[in-house]
Amino acid sequence: MSEIKVVMDPKKRKEYLDFYMKLLGIEVEEDPNCAYCPVSLTSTPEELKPAVAARQEQLKKILDSAKITTYDPRTSKYSPDMNKDATPQEVFTVDAGKVLSSRFFSGNNLLPSTGFGTEQGIALSSNRMAVILMDPAVRISRMLPSHAIYLQAANLDAQAERISQVFTMLKEYEPGAGICDKHPILLGFKGGHHVNLEAEIYNSFPELKYQYDGNVPIIDLHTTRKLNY
């Protein structure tokens, strides 16, 4: 069994987050029963928006069944489809604050570039419990950050109960960070013990373990505008 090196326990995590939020000029309280649900907005072609929105609604229902409230930037007042006047700094401050006030970070990774890279960067840097849903029929970037849990979700309706159980299980733990086999991992602390949360989830839900397949095609994206060069 591989040895786990604890880098950040819950006490150190609080100290780290206090410092991290000061760097961003943000002061919020973390809600352990809330999830920020990132979604591709600006970079999503019009013809794909209905499918992306449908996956988002399915995920929100799953989280609701696990008694986790959600924040959806797609329907917030700062959505680029509804508010074109907010400044980039204003949007960053609001959304970064929403990420930091939510213990969970969970979305569907469907496009070659997620469309929520900035939010994911904040989530992983601030030790959120990140759970990203992957469609095995869609190839995405191989640049997948560690200390996150990737679930293979071919049919959200059919797998909804099992995915909800993943979140229910994760709610039992306090998050932290560690190293295992030289790789950064998301740790869970409970009752004086710690575990590799990714390994725990995959052991309990083996059918949801994501497997990258480089032969699967990506989504074919189009644009109606040309760039000058």
Protein backbone atom coordinates (compact mmCIF):
# COMPACT_ATOMS: atom_id res chain seq x y z
CA MET A 1 0.00 0.00 0.00
CA SER A 2 1.43 3.38 -1.01
CA GLU A 3 2.37 5.74 1.80
CA ILE A 4 0.46 9.02 2.02
CA LYS A 5 2.29 12.16 3.08
CA VAL A 6 -0.02 14.74 4.65
CA VAL A 7 0.76 18.21 3.31
CA MET A 8 -2.28 20.04 4.67
CA ASP A 9 -4.63 18.91 7.44
CA PRO A 10 -7.87 20.78 8.33
CA LYS A 11 -6.07 23.15 10.75
CA LYS A 12 -3.39 24.06 8.23
CA ARG A 13 -6.08 24.32 5.55
CA LYS A 14 -7.91 27.04 7.47
CA GLU A 15 -4.68 28.99 7.92
CA TYR A 16 -3.87 28.57 4.24
CA LEU A 17 -7.33 29.64 3.08
CA ASP A 18 -7.25 32.74 5.28
CA PHE A 19 -3.99 33.73 3.59
CA TYR A 20 -5.21 32.75 0.10
CA MET A 21 -8.34 34.87 0.40
CA LYS A 22 -6.29 37.85 1.54
CA LEU A 23 -4.26 37.56 -1.67
CA LEU A 24 -7.49 37.77 -3.67
CA GLY A 25 -9.03 40.50 -1.54
CA ILE A 26 -11.97 38.24 -0.72
CA GLU A 27 -13.49 37.42 2.67
CA VAL A 28 -16.14 34.68 2.74
CA GLU A 29 -17.17 31.71 4.89
CA GLU A 30 -17.07 28.20 3.43
CA ASP A 31 -20.38 26.34 3.34
CA PRO A 32 -19.73 22.56 3.61
CA ASN A 33 -23.11 21.85 1.98
CA CYS A 34 -22.75 24.06 -1.07
CA ALA A 35 -21.30 23.40 -4.53
CA TYR A 36 -20.11 25.78 -7.21
CA CYS A 37 -21.17 24.24 -10.52
CA PRO A 38 -18.88 25.55 -13.27
CA VAL A 39 -20.17 25.53 -16.83
CA SER A 40 -18.80 26.59 -20.21
CA LEU A 41 -20.46 29.86 -21.23
CA THR A 42 -18.46 32.29 -23.37
CA SER A 43 -16.68 29.58 -25.36
CA THR A 44 -19.75 27.41 -26.00
CA PRO A 45 -21.08 27.42 -29.59
CA GLU A 46 -24.79 28.27 -29.86
CA GLU A 47 -25.71 24.81 -31.15
CA LEU A 48 -24.14 23.16 -28.08
CA LYS A 49 -25.65 25.43 -25.41
CA PRO A 50 -28.89 23.39 -24.99
CA ALA A 51 -26.91 20.18 -24.36
CA VAL A 52 -24.53 21.91 -21.95
CA ALA A 53 -27.47 23.47 -20.09
CA ALA A 54 -29.25 20.10 -19.87
CA ARG A 55 -26.18 18.41 -18.35
CA GLN A 56 -25.90 21.26 -15.86
CA GLU A 57 -29.52 20.83 -14.76
CA GLN A 58 -29.02 17.07 -14.37
CA LEU A 59 -25.99 17.64 -12.16
CA LYS A 60 -27.84 20.16 -10.01
CA LYS A 61 -30.63 17.62 -9.41
CA ILE A 62 -28.03 15.05 -8.34
CA LEU A 63 -26.48 17.48 -5.88
CA ASP A 64 -29.89 18.46 -4.56
CA SER A 65 -30.63 14.80 -3.82
CA ALA A 66 -27.40 14.74 -1.77
CA LYS A 67 -28.68 17.82 0.12
CA ILE A 68 -26.06 20.08 -1.44
CA THR A 69 -27.17 23.53 -2.59
CA THR A 70 -25.71 24.80 -5.86
CA TYR A 71 -24.50 28.02 -7.40
CA ASP A 72 -24.90 28.05 -11.19
CA PRO A 73 -23.02 30.85 -13.01
CA ARG A 74 -25.14 30.13 -16.10
CA THR A 75 -28.24 31.53 -14.41
CA SER A 76 -26.56 34.14 -12.19
CA LYS A 77 -26.86 37.86 -12.85
CA TYR A 78 -23.23 37.86 -14.03
CA SER A 79 -23.78 35.32 -16.81
CA PRO A 80 -22.35 36.66 -20.10
CA ASP A 81 -25.64 35.75 -21.77
CA MET A 82 -27.59 38.00 -19.41
CA ASN A 83 -25.15 40.70 -18.27
CA LYS A 84 -22.74 42.18 -20.78
CA ASP A 85 -21.99 45.31 -18.74
CA ALA A 86 -20.20 43.84 -15.69
CA THR A 87 -16.45 44.39 -15.75
CA PRO A 88 -13.99 41.45 -15.86
CA GLN A 89 -12.72 42.35 -12.37
CA GLU A 90 -16.26 42.45 -10.99
CA VAL A 91 -17.11 39.05 -12.47
CA PHE A 92 -13.84 37.54 -11.21
CA THR A 93 -14.37 38.82 -7.67
CA VAL A 94 -17.96 37.56 -7.50
CA ASP A 95 -17.28 34.15 -9.01
CA ALA A 96 -14.05 33.62 -7.08
CA GLY A 97 -15.97 34.41 -3.91
CA LYS A 98 -18.66 31.90 -4.85
CA VAL A 99 -16.03 29.20 -5.46
CA LEU A 100 -14.40 29.90 -2.11
CA SER A 101 -17.69 29.90 -0.23
CA SER A 102 -18.58 26.45 -1.63
CA ARG A 103 -16.79 23.37 -0.33
CA PHE A 104 -17.67 21.40 -3.47
CA PHE A 105 -16.76 22.21 -7.07
CA SER A 106 -18.51 20.04 -9.63
CA GLY A 107 -19.23 20.35 -13.34
CA ASN A 108 -19.39 18.51 -16.66
CA ASN A 109 -16.19 18.49 -18.73
CA LEU A 110 -17.47 18.25 -22.31
CA LEU A 111 -15.40 20.54 -24.51
CA PRO A 112 -11.73 20.24 -25.59
CA SER A 113 -11.13 23.25 -23.34
CA THR A 114 -13.40 23.12 -20.29
CA GLY A 115 -14.67 26.70 -20.51
CA PHE A 116 -14.20 27.04 -16.74
CA GLY A 117 -10.42 26.92 -16.39
CA THR A 118 -10.12 30.06 -14.24
CA GLU A 119 -12.73 28.84 -11.77
CA GLN A 120 -11.15 25.38 -11.67
CA GLY A 121 -7.75 26.95 -10.97
CA ILE A 122 -9.19 28.76 -7.95
CA ALA A 123 -11.03 25.64 -6.80
CA LEU A 124 -7.95 23.41 -6.92
CA SER A 125 -5.67 26.07 -5.43
CA SER A 126 -8.10 26.47 -2.53
CA ASN A 127 -8.56 22.74 -1.84
CA ARG A 128 -12.19 22.41 -2.86
CA MET A 129 -13.70 18.94 -3.07
CA ALA A 130 -13.62 18.93 -6.86
CA VAL A 131 -15.74 16.30 -8.61
CA ILE A 132 -15.66 16.55 -12.40
CA LEU A 133 -18.02 14.51 -14.58
CA MET A 134 -16.52 13.10 -17.78
CA ASP A 135 -18.44 11.74 -20.77
CA PRO A 136 -16.58 8.64 -22.08
CA ALA A 137 -17.94 9.37 -25.59
CA VAL A 138 -16.17 12.77 -25.69
CA ARG A 139 -12.38 13.20 -25.67
CA ILE A 140 -11.16 16.27 -23.82
CA SER A 141 -7.73 17.68 -22.97
CA ARG A 142 -5.26 15.32 -21.27
CA MET A 143 -4.26 18.26 -19.06
CA LEU A 144 -6.29 17.07 -16.08
CA PRO A 145 -5.13 18.50 -12.75
CA SER A 146 -4.54 16.20 -9.79
CA HIS A 147 -6.25 16.51 -6.39
CA ALA A 148 -9.66 16.17 -8.06
CA ILE A 149 -12.03 13.24 -8.54
CA TYR A 150 -13.02 12.42 -12.13
CA LEU A 151 -16.17 10.37 -12.61
CA GLN A 152 -17.08 8.62 -15.85
CA ALA A 153 -20.72 9.54 -16.52
CA ALA A 154 -22.11 8.07 -19.73
CA ASN A 155 -25.75 8.51 -18.71
CA LEU A 156 -26.48 11.01 -15.93
CA ASP A 157 -30.09 9.96 -15.54
CA ALA A 158 -29.20 6.28 -15.12
CA GLN A 159 -26.21 7.01 -12.85
CA ALA A 160 -27.81 9.82 -10.83
CA GLU A 161 -28.33 7.78 -7.65
CA ARG A 162 -24.76 6.45 -7.59
CA ILE A 163 -23.25 9.88 -8.24
CA SER A 164 -25.43 11.34 -5.50
CA GLN A 165 -24.05 8.66 -3.17
CA VAL A 166 -20.51 9.84 -4.03
CA PHE A 167 -21.33 13.32 -2.74
CA THR A 168 -23.07 11.92 0.33
CA MET A 169 -19.91 9.95 1.11
CA LEU A 170 -17.64 12.95 0.55
CA LYS A 171 -19.71 15.04 2.97
CA GLU A 172 -18.48 12.78 5.78
CA TYR A 173 -14.91 14.11 5.40
CA GLU A 174 -13.03 17.33 6.03
CA PRO A 175 -10.83 18.13 3.01
CA GLY A 176 -7.05 18.37 3.01
CA ALA A 177 -4.11 17.73 0.71
CA GLY A 178 -1.30 15.22 0.46
CA ILE A 179 1.19 13.38 -1.72
CA CYS A 180 1.03 9.72 -2.76
CA ASP A 181 3.56 8.13 -5.13
CA LYS A 182 4.88 11.65 -5.84
CA HIS A 183 1.45 12.80 -7.02
CA PRO A 184 -0.71 15.42 -5.26
CA ILE A 185 -3.97 14.00 -3.93
CA LEU A 186 -7.16 15.18 -2.28
CA LEU A 187 -7.26 13.94 1.30
CA GLY A 188 -10.27 13.35 3.51
CA PHE A 189 -10.07 13.58 7.32
CA LYS A 190 -12.54 11.83 9.64
CA GLY A 191 -12.27 10.63 13.22
CA GLY A 192 -8.55 11.28 13.50
CA HIS A 193 -7.74 9.36 10.31
CA HIS A 194 -7.08 10.44 6.73
CA VAL A 195 -7.64 8.74 3.37
CA ASN A 196 -6.93 9.29 -0.30
CA LEU A 197 -10.42 10.42 -1.34
CA GLU A 198 -9.95 9.61 -5.03
CA ALA A 199 -8.93 6.03 -4.16
CA GLU A 200 -11.78 5.70 -1.66
CA ILE A 201 -14.35 6.81 -4.20
CA TYR A 202 -12.99 4.55 -6.94
CA ASN A 203 -12.93 1.58 -4.54
CA SER A 204 -16.53 2.19 -3.52
CA PHE A 205 -17.81 3.13 -6.98
CA PRO A 206 -15.56 1.28 -9.46
CA GLU A 207 -18.01 1.71 -12.34
CA LEU A 208 -17.61 5.50 -12.08
CA LYS A 209 -13.81 5.54 -12.39
CA TYR A 210 -12.80 7.67 -15.37
CA GLN A 211 -10.55 6.11 -18.02
CA TYR A 212 -8.99 8.38 -20.63
CA ASP A 213 -9.19 7.09 -24.23
CA GLY A 214 -7.13 8.99 -26.78
CA ASN A 215 -9.04 7.36 -29.66
CA VAL A 216 -12.40 8.89 -28.75
CA PRO A 217 -13.24 11.92 -30.96
CA ILE A 218 -13.54 15.44 -29.59
CA ILE A 219 -16.63 17.59 -30.12
CA ASP A 220 -16.41 19.36 -33.48
CA LEU A 221 -16.55 23.10 -32.80
CA HIS A 222 -17.28 25.82 -35.36
CA THR A 223 -17.11 29.60 -35.41
CA THR A 224 -18.93 32.16 -37.54
CA ARG A 225 -16.19 34.77 -37.15
CA LYS A 226 -12.74 34.97 -38.70
CA LEU A 227 -9.60 36.33 -37.04
CA ASN A 228 -7.30 38.69 -38.84
CA TYR A 229 -3.77 37.41 -39.28
